[in-house]
Protein backbone atom coordinates (compact mmCIF):
# COMPACT_ATOMS: atom_id res chain seq x y z
CA MET A 1 -3.84 -0.42 -15.22
CA ARG A 2 -7.47 -2.02 -16.66
CA GLN A 3 -10.66 -1.05 -15.16
CA GLY A 4 -13.73 0.30 -15.97
CA LYS A 5 -15.15 2.00 -12.81
CA MET A 6 -19.01 2.89 -12.42
CA ALA A 7 -19.29 6.70 -12.08
CA GLY A 8 -21.04 8.36 -9.10
CA MET A 9 -20.15 5.62 -6.93
CA ALA A 10 -20.29 7.49 -3.50
CA ALA A 11 -24.18 7.78 -3.75
CA ALA A 12 -26.48 5.33 -4.35
CA ILE A 13 -24.47 4.23 -7.65
CA ALA A 14 -25.50 6.35 -10.16
CA ALA A 15 -25.88 5.06 -13.72
CA GLY A 16 -23.06 4.90 -16.39
CA TRP A 17 -19.67 3.41 -16.95
CA ARG A 18 -16.73 5.33 -16.67
CA PRO A 19 -14.39 4.61 -19.50
CA LEU A 20 -11.17 2.52 -19.06
CA LEU A 21 -8.12 4.53 -18.39
CA LEU A 22 -4.75 3.57 -19.44
CA LEU A 23 -1.73 5.72 -19.44
CA ALA A 24 0.69 5.32 -22.18
CA ALA A 25 4.26 4.65 -21.57
CA LEU A 26 5.17 7.91 -23.19
CA THR A 27 4.13 9.54 -19.94
CA LEU A 28 7.51 8.91 -18.44
CA SER A 29 9.32 10.14 -21.17
CA ALA A 30 7.44 12.76 -22.97
CA CYS A 31 6.22 15.19 -20.22
CA ASP A 32 7.22 18.94 -19.99
CA GLY A 33 9.12 19.56 -17.13
CA GLY A 34 7.20 20.28 -13.77
CA SER A 35 3.84 19.30 -15.51
CA ALA A 36 1.25 16.51 -14.86
CA PRO A 37 1.25 13.92 -17.00
CA PRO A 38 -1.18 14.18 -20.42
CA PRO A 39 -4.49 13.10 -20.36
CA ALA A 40 -5.03 9.61 -20.13
CA LEU A 41 -6.06 7.58 -23.33
CA GLN A 42 -9.72 6.16 -23.32
CA PHE A 43 -10.85 3.07 -24.29
CA GLU A 44 -14.13 1.04 -23.80
CA ASP A 45 -14.16 -2.27 -22.15
CA PRO A 46 -14.73 -5.85 -23.83
CA PRO A 47 -18.49 -6.50 -22.70
CA GLU A 48 -17.50 -9.48 -20.47
CA VAL A 49 -15.08 -7.02 -18.51
CA ALA A 50 -17.95 -4.21 -18.21
CA PHE A 51 -20.63 -6.96 -17.29
CA GLY A 52 -18.23 -8.52 -14.76
CA GLU A 53 -17.82 -5.19 -13.25
CA ARG A 54 -21.56 -4.84 -12.80
CA LEU A 55 -21.58 -8.18 -11.04
CA PHE A 56 -18.77 -6.86 -8.84
CA LEU A 57 -20.86 -4.20 -7.65
CA GLU A 58 -24.17 -5.75 -7.51
CA THR A 59 -25.58 -5.45 -3.89
CA ARG A 60 -28.77 -7.58 -4.30
CA PHE A 61 -26.88 -10.99 -3.82
CA ALA A 62 -26.26 -10.82 -0.24
CA GLN A 63 -27.80 -12.63 2.33
CA PHE A 64 -29.20 -9.48 3.86
CA PHE A 65 -30.99 -8.69 1.03
CA ALA A 66 -32.46 -11.94 0.80
CA THR A 67 -33.71 -11.44 4.13
CA HIS A 68 -34.99 -8.08 4.32
CA SER A 69 -36.14 -7.57 0.61
CA PRO A 70 -39.55 -6.79 -0.29
CA ALA A 71 -41.42 -9.52 -2.48
CA SER A 72 -39.58 -8.27 -5.58
CA VAL A 73 -35.79 -8.38 -5.98
CA ASN A 74 -36.19 -4.91 -8.15
CA ALA A 75 -37.46 -3.10 -5.06
CA PRO A 76 -35.25 -0.98 -2.81
CA LEU A 77 -34.49 -2.14 1.05
CA THR A 78 -36.38 -0.47 3.55
CA VAL A 79 -33.51 -0.74 5.96
CA GLY A 80 -29.78 -1.14 4.73
CA ASP A 81 -27.40 -3.62 6.25
CA PRO A 82 -25.44 -1.66 9.23
CA ALA A 83 -22.41 -3.44 7.98
CA VAL A 84 -22.14 -1.05 4.91
CA ALA A 85 -23.43 2.07 6.57
CA ASN A 86 -19.84 3.06 6.92
CA LEU A 87 -16.41 2.15 5.84
CA GLN A 88 -14.01 1.35 8.75
CA SER A 89 -10.54 3.41 8.57
CA LEU A 90 -7.60 3.89 11.05
CA GLY A 91 -9.35 7.20 11.75
CA SER A 92 -12.95 8.11 12.08
CA PRO A 93 -15.32 5.86 9.74
CA LEU A 94 -15.95 7.01 6.08
CA SER A 95 -19.16 7.52 4.39
CA GLY A 96 -20.02 4.10 2.92
CA PRO A 97 -20.98 4.00 -0.67
CA PHE A 98 -23.24 1.50 -0.51
CA ALA A 99 -25.09 2.93 2.71
CA GLY A 100 -28.85 1.83 2.77
CA GLN A 101 -28.19 -1.47 0.86
CA SER A 102 -26.40 -4.78 1.11
CA ILE A 103 -22.85 -5.87 0.88
CA ASN A 104 -21.14 -6.55 -2.10
CA CYS A 105 -17.73 -7.48 -3.56
CA ARG A 106 -16.74 -3.58 -3.84
CA GLN A 107 -17.34 -2.89 -0.13
CA CYS A 108 -13.83 -4.37 0.84
CA HIS A 109 -12.18 -3.64 -2.52
CA LEU A 110 -12.27 -0.15 -3.30
CA VAL A 111 -10.51 2.36 -5.91
CA ASP A 112 -11.82 5.93 -5.79
CA GLU A 113 -14.97 6.19 -3.50
CA GLN A 114 -13.02 8.20 -1.06
CA ILE A 115 -10.16 9.53 -3.04
CA ALA A 116 -11.28 13.11 -2.14
CA THR A 117 -12.32 12.23 1.54
CA PRO A 118 -9.84 13.42 4.47
CA GLY A 119 -8.76 9.88 5.96
CA GLY A 120 -9.49 8.48 2.70
CA GLY A 121 -7.69 8.22 -0.63
CA ALA A 122 -7.35 6.10 -3.79
CA ARG A 123 -7.28 2.23 -3.28
CA THR A 124 -5.80 -0.58 -5.36
CA TYR A 125 -9.10 -2.58 -4.74
CA ALA A 126 -8.51 -2.76 -1.13
CA ASP A 127 -10.28 -1.06 1.91
CA PHE A 128 -8.84 1.17 4.90
CA ALA A 129 -9.74 -1.15 7.77
CA ARG A 130 -7.40 -3.50 9.53
CA ARG A 131 -10.14 -6.36 9.17
CA SER A 132 -13.24 -5.56 7.08
CA VAL A 133 -16.80 -5.53 8.40
CA ILE A 134 -18.82 -8.06 7.45
CA THR A 135 -22.79 -8.92 8.19
CA ASP A 136 -23.27 -9.72 11.85
CA ARG A 137 -25.18 -13.01 12.11
CA GLY A 138 -24.44 -13.45 15.61
CA ASP A 139 -21.59 -16.10 14.96
CA GLY A 140 -18.70 -14.41 16.37
CA PRO A 141 -16.86 -11.23 15.67
CA ALA A 142 -18.46 -9.33 12.64
CA LEU A 143 -15.16 -8.63 11.07
CA THR A 144 -13.16 -11.02 8.46
CA VAL A 145 -10.49 -12.77 9.81
CA ARG A 146 -7.97 -11.19 7.45
CA ASN A 147 -7.34 -7.86 6.12
CA SER A 148 -8.79 -7.26 2.58
CA PRO A 149 -5.93 -7.79 -0.02
CA PRO A 150 -5.77 -5.52 -3.03
CA LEU A 151 -6.80 -7.10 -6.06
CA VAL A 152 -4.54 -5.26 -8.60
CA ASN A 153 -2.40 -7.69 -10.14
CA ALA A 154 -3.88 -10.31 -8.08
CA THR A 155 -3.48 -12.89 -11.28
CA VAL A 156 -0.23 -11.31 -12.85
CA PRO A 157 1.65 -14.47 -14.32
CA ARG A 158 4.02 -15.89 -12.11
CA ALA A 159 6.78 -18.83 -12.42
CA ASN A 160 4.82 -20.88 -9.69
CA THR A 161 1.36 -22.14 -9.31
CA LEU A 162 -1.48 -19.61 -8.82
CA VAL A 163 -3.25 -19.49 -5.49
CA LEU A 164 -5.44 -17.12 -3.99
CA HIS A 165 -6.43 -15.84 -0.47
CA ALA A 166 -3.68 -15.68 2.03
CA ASP A 167 -3.57 -19.15 2.80
CA GLY A 168 -3.86 -20.60 -0.82
CA GLU A 169 -7.43 -21.74 -0.29
CA PHE A 170 -8.35 -20.99 -4.16
CA THR A 171 -6.67 -21.90 -7.40
CA SER A 172 -9.14 -19.50 -9.79
CA LEU A 173 -10.95 -16.10 -9.40
CA ALA A 174 -14.09 -18.13 -10.51
CA GLU A 175 -13.76 -20.55 -7.62
CA LEU A 176 -13.02 -17.52 -5.42
CA ALA A 177 -15.79 -15.53 -6.55
CA PHE A 178 -18.39 -18.13 -6.11
CA ALA A 179 -17.19 -19.07 -2.73
CA THR A 180 -17.72 -15.27 -1.80
CA LEU A 181 -20.92 -14.73 -3.30
CA THR A 182 -22.29 -17.88 -1.17
CA GLY A 183 -19.93 -17.51 1.74
CA ARG A 184 -19.37 -15.55 4.91
CA ASN A 185 -18.22 -12.71 3.44
CA THR A 186 -21.60 -11.62 1.85
CA GLY A 187 -23.76 -12.94 4.76
CA TRP A 188 -24.23 -16.84 4.16
CA LEU A 189 -23.28 -19.10 6.87
CA PRO A 190 -21.37 -22.43 6.38
CA GLY A 191 -24.22 -24.61 5.41
CA GLU A 192 -26.53 -21.98 3.84
CA GLU A 193 -24.64 -22.48 0.17
CA ALA A 194 -27.95 -23.60 -1.34
CA GLN A 195 -30.05 -20.93 -0.03
CA ALA A 196 -27.23 -18.43 -1.57
CA ILE A 197 -27.42 -20.17 -4.87
CA ALA A 198 -31.04 -20.06 -5.00
CA HIS A 199 -31.37 -16.22 -4.20
CA ILE A 200 -28.69 -15.28 -6.61
CA ALA A 201 -30.18 -17.39 -9.19
CA ARG A 202 -33.57 -15.57 -8.48
CA VAL A 203 -31.91 -12.35 -8.58
CA ILE A 204 -30.36 -13.06 -12.27
CA ARG A 205 -33.98 -14.41 -13.25
CA GLU A 206 -35.96 -11.90 -12.11
CA ASP A 207 -33.84 -8.52 -12.51
CA ASP A 208 -35.88 -6.07 -14.81
CA GLY A 209 -33.15 -3.97 -15.94
CA LEU A 210 -34.24 -0.72 -14.58
CA GLY A 211 -31.98 -0.36 -11.85
CA ALA A 212 -28.82 2.20 -11.67
CA LEU A 213 -26.08 -0.53 -12.49
CA ALA A 214 -27.95 -1.81 -15.47
CA ALA A 215 -28.75 1.39 -17.27
CA ASP A 216 -25.71 1.61 -19.31
CA ALA A 217 -24.52 -2.08 -18.75
CA GLY A 218 -26.90 -3.94 -21.05
CA GLY A 219 -30.13 -3.74 -19.61
CA SER A 220 -31.70 -6.95 -17.58
CA TYR A 221 -29.52 -9.88 -16.77
CA ARG A 222 -31.43 -12.27 -18.57
CA ALA A 223 -30.94 -10.16 -21.71
CA VAL A 224 -27.18 -9.69 -21.07
CA LEU A 225 -26.53 -13.37 -20.26
CA SER A 226 -28.80 -14.86 -23.41
CA GLY A 227 -27.03 -12.42 -25.77
CA THR A 228 -30.18 -10.84 -26.62
CA SER A 229 -29.04 -7.48 -25.02
CA ALA A 230 -28.84 -4.62 -27.71
CA SER A 231 -26.37 -2.66 -25.94
CA LEU A 232 -24.15 -5.12 -24.13
CA LYS A 233 -23.39 -8.31 -26.52
CA LEU A 234 -21.71 -10.92 -24.29
CA PRO A 235 -19.16 -13.29 -26.27
CA ALA A 236 -20.92 -16.67 -26.99
CA ALA A 237 -18.49 -18.39 -24.39
CA PHE A 238 -20.13 -16.23 -21.56
CA ARG A 239 -23.50 -16.57 -22.66
CA LEU A 240 -26.61 -18.47 -20.76
CA ASP A 241 -30.32 -19.18 -21.01
CA VAL A 242 -31.19 -18.57 -17.62
CA ASN A 243 -34.54 -20.32 -18.33
CA THR A 244 -33.12 -23.44 -18.60
CA ALA A 245 -29.95 -23.24 -16.64
CA SER A 246 -29.68 -24.60 -12.98
CA ASP A 247 -29.41 -22.01 -10.35
CA GLU A 248 -25.62 -23.45 -10.02
CA GLN A 249 -25.06 -22.84 -13.27
CA ILE A 250 -26.08 -19.47 -13.42
CA VAL A 251 -23.81 -18.42 -9.90
CA LYS A 252 -21.03 -20.24 -11.66
CA ALA A 253 -21.57 -18.01 -14.94
CA VAL A 254 -21.71 -15.02 -12.53
CA ALA A 255 -18.56 -16.01 -10.93
CA GLN A 256 -16.72 -16.82 -14.17
CA LEU A 257 -17.72 -13.03 -15.31
CA ILE A 258 -16.59 -11.41 -11.95
CA GLY A 259 -13.33 -13.63 -12.61
CA VAL A 260 -12.90 -11.97 -15.96
CA TYR A 261 -13.24 -8.60 -14.39
CA VAL A 262 -10.91 -8.82 -11.81
CA ASP A 263 -7.88 -10.67 -13.84
CA GLN A 264 -7.63 -7.62 -16.20
CA LEU A 265 -7.18 -5.23 -13.16
CA ARG A 266 -3.52 -4.36 -13.71
CA PHE A 267 -0.79 -1.71 -13.05
CA VAL A 268 0.54 -0.02 -16.35
CA THR A 269 2.66 -1.69 -18.66
CA ASN A 270 3.89 -0.69 -22.10
CA ALA A 271 3.82 -2.83 -25.22
CA ASP A 272 6.63 -4.66 -24.14
CA GLY A 273 4.94 -5.86 -20.85
CA LEU A 274 7.28 -3.70 -18.71
CA ASN A 275 6.07 -1.47 -15.78
CA VAL A 276 6.38 2.19 -16.58
CA ASN A 277 4.71 4.14 -13.98
CA ALA A 278 6.50 4.23 -10.85
CA PRO A 279 9.88 6.30 -10.20
CA TYR A 280 11.62 2.83 -9.85
CA ASP A 281 10.78 2.15 -13.25
CA LEU A 282 11.76 5.34 -14.76
CA PHE A 283 15.05 5.22 -12.86
CA LEU A 284 15.77 1.70 -14.43
CA ALA A 285 15.08 3.14 -17.92
CA ARG A 286 17.12 6.23 -17.52
CA ASN A 287 19.92 4.20 -16.31
CA ALA A 288 19.39 1.07 -19.10
CA LEU A 289 19.03 -1.34 -16.24
CA PRO A 290 17.24 -4.52 -16.86
CA ALA A 291 13.45 -4.10 -16.15
CA THR A 292 12.66 -7.88 -16.34
CA PRO A 293 14.05 -11.33 -16.52
CA ALA A 294 16.05 -12.69 -19.52
CA PHE A 295 14.60 -15.79 -21.12
CA GLY A 296 14.69 -18.61 -18.84
CA GLU A 297 16.28 -16.66 -16.19
CA SER A 298 14.16 -16.64 -12.74
CA ASP A 299 12.97 -13.58 -10.77
CA LEU A 300 15.86 -14.26 -7.91
CA ASP A 301 18.73 -14.67 -10.88
CA TYR A 302 17.53 -11.40 -12.37
CA ALA A 303 17.32 -9.55 -8.84
CA ARG A 304 20.96 -10.66 -8.42
CA ARG A 305 22.14 -9.62 -12.06
CA LEU A 306 20.30 -6.24 -11.33
CA ARG A 307 22.33 -5.93 -8.28
CA SER A 308 25.70 -6.33 -10.10
CA GLN A 309 24.85 -3.77 -12.75
CA LEU A 310 24.08 -1.28 -10.09
CA ASP A 311 27.24 -2.24 -8.38
CA ALA A 312 28.97 -1.25 -11.80
CA LEU A 313 26.86 1.75 -12.34
CA SER A 314 29.49 4.71 -11.85
CA SER A 315 27.40 7.51 -12.30
CA PRO A 316 23.58 7.21 -11.35
CA GLN A 317 20.96 9.28 -13.47
CA PHE A 318 18.43 10.13 -10.91
CA VAL A 319 14.89 10.91 -11.00
CA ALA A 320 14.36 14.42 -9.48
CA ALA A 321 11.28 15.46 -8.39
CA ASP A 322 8.87 17.31 -10.68
CA VAL A 323 11.19 17.21 -13.56
CA LEU A 324 9.30 14.82 -15.55
CA ARG A 325 5.90 14.41 -13.72
CA ARG A 326 4.13 14.65 -10.39
CA PHE A 327 2.18 11.97 -8.56
CA GLN A 328 -1.81 12.88 -8.37
CA LEU A 329 -2.83 10.41 -5.84
CA HIS A 330 0.41 10.40 -3.52
CA LEU A 331 1.80 12.80 -1.41
CA GLN A 332 5.19 12.52 -2.24
CA PRO A 333 7.54 13.76 -4.98
CA PHE A 334 7.70 11.60 -7.67
CA ALA A 335 11.52 11.27 -7.51
CA PHE A 336 14.53 8.21 -7.08
CA THR A 337 17.26 9.65 -5.51
CA GLU A 338 20.31 8.81 -3.88
CA THR A 339 18.30 7.67 -0.73
CA GLU A 340 15.86 5.52 -2.92
CA LEU A 341 19.30 4.03 -4.12
CA ARG A 342 20.56 3.18 -1.17
CA GLY A 343 17.23 1.43 -0.30
CA LEU A 344 17.30 -0.65 -3.23
CA ARG A 345 21.04 -1.76 -2.53
CA VAL A 346 19.74 -2.77 0.83
CA PHE A 347 16.76 -4.51 -0.76
CA LEU A 348 18.89 -6.54 -3.24
CA ARG A 349 21.65 -7.30 -0.76
CA GLU A 350 21.83 -10.84 0.39
CA PRO A 351 24.37 -12.63 3.03
CA ALA A 352 27.89 -13.18 1.34
CA ASP A 353 27.26 -16.84 2.16
CA SER A 354 24.16 -18.02 1.08
CA VAL A 355 24.64 -21.28 2.93
CA ALA A 356 25.81 -20.23 6.20
CA GLY A 357 23.95 -17.07 6.39
CA LEU A 358 24.65 -13.75 7.96
CA SER A 359 28.14 -13.54 9.53
CA ALA A 360 28.47 -11.84 12.83
CA ALA A 361 30.18 -8.84 11.18
CA GLU A 362 27.61 -8.48 8.51
CA ARG A 363 24.81 -8.47 11.42
CA ALA A 364 26.62 -6.23 13.22
CA ALA A 365 27.05 -3.37 10.07
CA GLY A 366 23.48 -4.22 8.62
CA GLY A 367 22.74 -3.26 5.18
CA VAL A 368 21.46 -6.64 4.40
CA GLY A 369 17.86 -6.61 3.34
CA ASN A 370 17.71 -10.16 1.91
CA CYS A 371 14.59 -8.88 0.50
CA ILE A 372 14.91 -10.40 -2.77
CA SER A 373 14.44 -13.94 -1.34
CA CYS A 374 10.93 -13.39 -1.03
CA HIS A 375 10.41 -10.00 -3.09
CA ALA A 376 12.26 -10.40 -6.02
CA PRO A 377 11.28 -7.95 -8.83
CA PRO A 378 9.75 -6.89 -10.93
CA GLN A 379 6.74 -7.98 -9.42
CA PHE A 380 8.22 -8.09 -6.20
CA SER A 381 6.52 -11.27 -4.95
CA ASP A 382 7.24 -14.82 -5.13
CA PHE A 383 3.98 -15.84 -4.67
CA GLY A 384 5.13 -18.39 -2.09
CA PHE A 385 4.48 -19.21 1.11
CA HIS A 386 6.71 -17.95 4.23
CA ASN A 387 6.07 -17.20 8.10
CA THR A 388 7.65 -13.71 8.71
CA GLY A 389 6.27 -13.84 12.49
CA VAL A 390 2.99 -11.91 12.13
CA THR A 391 0.82 -14.46 13.60
CA GLN A 392 3.41 -15.07 16.73
CA ASN A 393 3.51 -11.13 16.76
CA GLU A 394 -0.64 -10.72 17.23
CA TYR A 395 -0.61 -13.70 19.42
CA ASP A 396 1.97 -12.50 21.84
CA GLY A 397 0.39 -8.96 21.87
CA ALA A 398 -2.79 -10.57 23.06
CA HIS A 399 -1.13 -12.95 25.53
CA GLY A 400 2.49 -12.27 26.44
CA ALA A 401 5.68 -13.00 25.09
CA GLY A 402 6.45 -16.28 24.51
CA SER A 403 2.33 -17.35 24.29
CA PHE A 404 2.56 -18.65 20.89
CA ARG A 405 5.70 -20.93 21.19
CA ALA A 406 3.96 -22.30 23.72
CA LEU A 407 0.55 -22.60 21.96
CA ALA A 408 -0.70 -26.50 21.22
CA ILE A 409 -0.82 -27.18 17.87
CA PRO A 410 -2.24 -30.65 16.31
CA SER A 411 0.04 -32.86 14.74
CA PHE A 412 -1.02 -34.08 11.39
CA ASP A 413 -2.11 -37.58 13.17
CA GLU A 414 -3.93 -35.53 16.13
CA ARG A 415 -5.87 -32.99 13.47
CA ALA A 416 -6.86 -36.29 11.87
CA VAL A 417 -9.21 -37.38 14.86
CA PRO A 418 -12.65 -35.77 14.02
CA ALA A 419 -13.13 -33.94 17.46
CA VAL A 420 -9.83 -32.27 16.93
CA ALA A 421 -10.34 -31.50 13.22
CA ASP A 422 -14.08 -30.24 14.40
CA GLN A 423 -12.27 -27.87 17.18
CA ALA A 424 -9.29 -26.71 15.14
CA LEU A 425 -10.14 -26.29 11.10
CA PRO A 426 -12.41 -23.76 9.91
CA PRO A 427 -16.03 -24.23 9.12
CA THR A 428 -17.08 -25.17 5.63
CA GLY A 429 -20.14 -26.39 3.87
CA ALA A 430 -19.06 -29.91 4.47
CA HIS A 431 -18.63 -29.27 8.07
CA PRO A 432 -20.80 -26.15 9.30
CA THR A 433 -20.36 -26.46 12.95
CA ARG A 434 -16.30 -26.53 12.99
CA ALA A 435 -15.12 -23.95 15.52
CA GLY A 436 -12.16 -22.82 13.19
CA GLN A 437 -9.80 -22.19 16.22
CA PHE A 438 -6.86 -21.80 13.99
CA ARG A 439 -8.65 -19.30 11.54
CA ALA A 440 -9.48 -16.81 14.05
CA ILE A 441 -8.61 -13.18 15.43
CA ALA A 442 -6.26 -13.60 18.46
CA ALA A 443 -7.99 -11.53 21.02
CA VAL A 444 -7.46 -11.11 24.88
CA GLY A 445 -10.02 -13.31 26.45
CA SER A 446 -9.62 -15.98 23.98
CA PRO A 447 -6.40 -18.09 24.54
CA GLY A 448 -5.91 -20.50 21.70
CA ARG A 449 -7.47 -18.53 18.96
CA THR A 450 -5.28 -17.57 16.17
CA ASP A 451 -4.87 -17.52 12.58
CA LEU A 452 -2.16 -20.28 11.37
CA GLY A 453 -2.85 -19.59 7.42
CA ALA A 454 -1.94 -22.45 5.24
CA TRP A 455 -2.11 -25.00 8.02
CA ASN A 456 -5.94 -24.68 7.87
CA VAL A 457 -5.96 -25.42 4.10
CA PHE A 458 -3.32 -28.18 3.59
CA ALA A 459 -4.23 -31.65 4.02
CA ASN A 460 -7.96 -30.50 4.57
CA GLU A 461 -10.38 -32.57 2.56
CA ASP A 462 -12.86 -29.73 2.56
CA PHE A 463 -10.24 -28.04 0.05
CA PRO A 464 -10.06 -30.62 -2.40
CA ARG A 465 -9.07 -28.28 -5.42
CA SER A 466 -5.99 -26.66 -3.68
CA GLN A 467 -3.94 -29.53 -2.49
CA ASN A 468 -1.38 -29.81 -5.30
CA ALA A 469 -0.83 -26.10 -5.39
CA VAL A 470 -0.44 -25.78 -1.76
CA ARG A 471 1.89 -28.63 -1.19
CA SER A 472 3.99 -27.50 -4.36
CA LEU A 473 4.13 -24.05 -2.82
CA LEU A 474 5.16 -25.55 0.66
CA CYS A 475 7.78 -27.50 -0.63
CA SER A 476 9.49 -24.85 -2.97
CA SER A 477 9.19 -22.19 0.11
CA THR A 478 10.93 -24.26 2.62
CA PRO A 479 14.19 -25.11 0.72
CA SER A 480 15.15 -28.93 1.30
CA ALA A 481 17.46 -31.31 -0.17
CA THR A 482 14.34 -34.12 -0.05
CA ALA A 483 12.33 -34.15 -3.35
CA CYS A 484 9.06 -32.64 -2.54
CA ASN A 485 7.32 -35.88 -3.56
CA ALA A 486 9.08 -37.58 -1.01
CA ILE A 487 8.14 -35.23 2.05
CA SER A 488 5.27 -36.55 3.97
CA ASP A 489 2.12 -34.68 4.51
CA ALA A 490 3.07 -34.76 8.40
CA GLU A 491 6.00 -32.76 7.81
CA LEU A 492 4.37 -30.53 5.16
CA LEU A 493 1.70 -29.78 7.69
CA ALA A 494 4.07 -28.89 10.50
CA ARG A 495 5.96 -26.71 7.75
CA ALA A 496 2.49 -24.64 7.27
CA VAL A 497 1.92 -23.31 10.77
CA ALA A 498 1.53 -19.54 10.20
CA VAL A 499 2.62 -19.34 6.51
CA PHE A 500 0.97 -16.84 4.31
CA LYS A 501 1.42 -16.02 0.43
CA THR A 502 3.77 -13.27 -0.33
CA PRO A 503 1.91 -10.03 -1.27
CA SER A 504 3.57 -7.75 -4.06
CA LEU A 505 4.94 -4.43 -2.78
CA ARG A 506 4.04 -2.48 -5.45
CA ASP A 507 2.09 0.67 -4.81
CA LEU A 508 1.80 -0.10 -1.33
CA GLY A 509 0.86 3.76 -0.58
CA ASP A 510 -2.79 2.61 -1.81
CA SER A 511 -3.23 -0.50 0.45
CA GLN A 512 -2.43 0.30 4.02
CA PRO A 513 -2.91 -1.09 6.86
CA TYR A 514 -0.25 -3.74 5.95
CA MET A 515 -0.09 -7.72 6.65
CA HIS A 516 -2.74 -10.15 6.83
CA ASP A 517 -4.15 -8.90 9.92
CA GLY A 518 -3.79 -5.37 9.26
CA ALA A 519 -1.26 -4.76 12.22
CA PHE A 520 0.95 -1.92 10.74
CA ASP A 521 -0.29 1.37 9.55
CA THR A 522 2.98 2.38 7.92
CA LEU A 523 6.21 1.33 5.88
CA GLU A 524 8.33 2.45 8.96
CA ALA A 525 6.56 -0.11 11.51
CA ILE A 526 6.69 -3.06 9.03
CA LEU A 527 10.72 -2.41 8.79
CA ALA A 528 11.11 -2.13 12.54
CA PHE A 529 8.81 -5.30 12.70
CA TYR A 530 11.20 -7.15 10.35
CA ALA A 531 14.17 -6.37 12.32
CA GLN A 532 12.56 -7.38 15.36
CA SER A 533 11.54 -10.86 13.82
CA ALA A 534 14.98 -11.36 12.17
CA ALA A 535 16.51 -11.01 15.99
CA LEU A 536 13.95 -13.63 17.25
CA ALA A 537 14.60 -15.96 14.19
CA ALA A 538 18.33 -15.78 15.02
CA ALA A 539 17.79 -16.29 18.64
CA GLY A 540 15.35 -19.26 18.01
CA ASN A 541 12.36 -17.67 19.49
CA LEU A 542 10.56 -17.57 16.25
CA ARG A 543 8.32 -20.39 16.04
CA ASN A 544 8.43 -22.27 12.78
CA ALA A 545 10.46 -19.29 11.17
CA ASP A 546 11.10 -18.84 7.57
CA SER A 547 15.17 -19.36 7.25
CA ARG A 548 15.27 -16.31 5.20
CA ILE A 549 14.09 -14.21 8.09
CA ALA A 550 17.11 -14.68 10.39
CA ASN A 551 19.22 -13.37 7.36
CA ILE A 552 18.00 -9.87 7.53
CA ALA A 553 20.05 -7.14 9.20
CA ILE A 554 18.64 -3.62 8.85
CA ASN A 555 19.83 -0.79 11.30
CA ALA A 556 17.56 2.48 11.78
CA GLN A 557 19.35 4.09 8.59
CA ASP A 558 18.50 0.87 6.35
CA GLN A 559 15.00 1.02 7.47
CA ALA A 560 14.82 4.74 6.64
CA ASP A 561 16.47 4.11 3.22
CA LEU A 562 14.24 0.91 2.48
CA THR A 563 11.31 2.90 3.04
CA ALA A 564 12.11 5.57 0.72
CA PHE A 565 12.72 2.86 -1.88
CA LEU A 566 9.38 1.18 -1.51
CA ARG A 567 7.68 4.49 -1.81
CA ALA A 568 9.24 4.71 -5.09
CA LEU A 569 7.38 1.61 -5.98
CA ASN A 570 4.06 3.60 -5.76
CA GLU A 571 2.12 4.80 -8.82
CA ASP A 572 -0.98 6.53 -9.83
CA TYR A 573 -3.75 3.67 -10.19
CA ASN A 574 -6.78 5.32 -11.59
């Protein structure tokens, strides 16, 4: 749980850094009955992390500031960007922590800004909206195409290749941060990258170090980056002379430091790297069940071993509510009881015949979540690409049942035609006028517009850095007897229709609404959706369905038990 949040975020960003908080593993084993966990240990963030957070919070990099600021970058705006006046939520709008200013990274990736606000709460670096509001530039809906993903554990180690964003557009945090700072989320249109770079570099060079963010974070940007700040000494690897560096070098240095900050946002682990802060974690520890794969064991094989050991467990030791500790940030007991265990068993259960899939008897009886095929513990994600039917659900909701299956989607050869690519693919700096038909929000009155996920990135020359990683993930996520290097790009592009990266399931209670389109408010709604998708897939009515979806059989009781188990993955992230 590594983070160093600026204090006073609900106001105009008050000065001062909040120390990094880290709960010790003993909070799960040495608390008095019915008491809250002991006070968190406090540590200082490394200079590069503290400075990366300051850059993450900086509002002056945005296009709105560039076009509405006075002559000096150190003078406040006289009018704020309407996009940050409020925070959109599932209920009434919440007060915007950056009201009167411009947009920044934190606007869509919150933590404790609304922790005590009715309708708000804690966040794991996500926001409260189905889709986040962005600066209105008159180029379409002033919303992000996708729901804001939580950033905690975004780069946790994994067996496969790291990709970021739901469609795999980026392969590093620095690359993602650079594109965000110079792209649409901070107000810059495709084709305005050069303007964005020049403006951000100007803010860095001309910052006087007297602003609220600078007070306890090293003074001027120039001083910190050059290594001459008396209060914040960056390691040599992160230093830069802004007098001699090019504008692009400056923005890349900024992006690298933001990446360093985001990279260390983690859920609590102990000295052995084990997750320790959720009821599920304590249940495993109390029953001496394995918490991580053995050396050389895959997550899926570990999940199957855990299932076998659970089946052999004759007298489970449950976690009774309030006996060891209480949640501070979730309105639920800190407990893992028979209900959660039933949900865990459903979560771990696969079809008896992995080749033939669910039998008729299994489908009728239920109790087969087949969840571990994509969400194996301990991270509860394979970080691969899958189509679970979310895009079809949204598109059919706007245009009628069967509409998505009937939608004309260009083949590999068809998409290679420039006129087709210009209509279908998303706009980029290389092709700023592209229409982005298939990276769009489906809506009544806009037939043909939808979000096809990785289809937009794969075999798209505008995303060269991502191609090897996305190809590898598409191959591994769609099992085939054919070797990956023998599968044509045309076949893989067809497999890429409406596939998105698998999210983790840890602490879902701090990141709703769910799915890449923010369609579902509750865990119950998600599980009902999966039961529906499984039925569609089994009947052959889910376009490009992941083969794993048809092997889900969960009845109403299973869904209730799974909901309880998923809530047992919540923890207090603060």
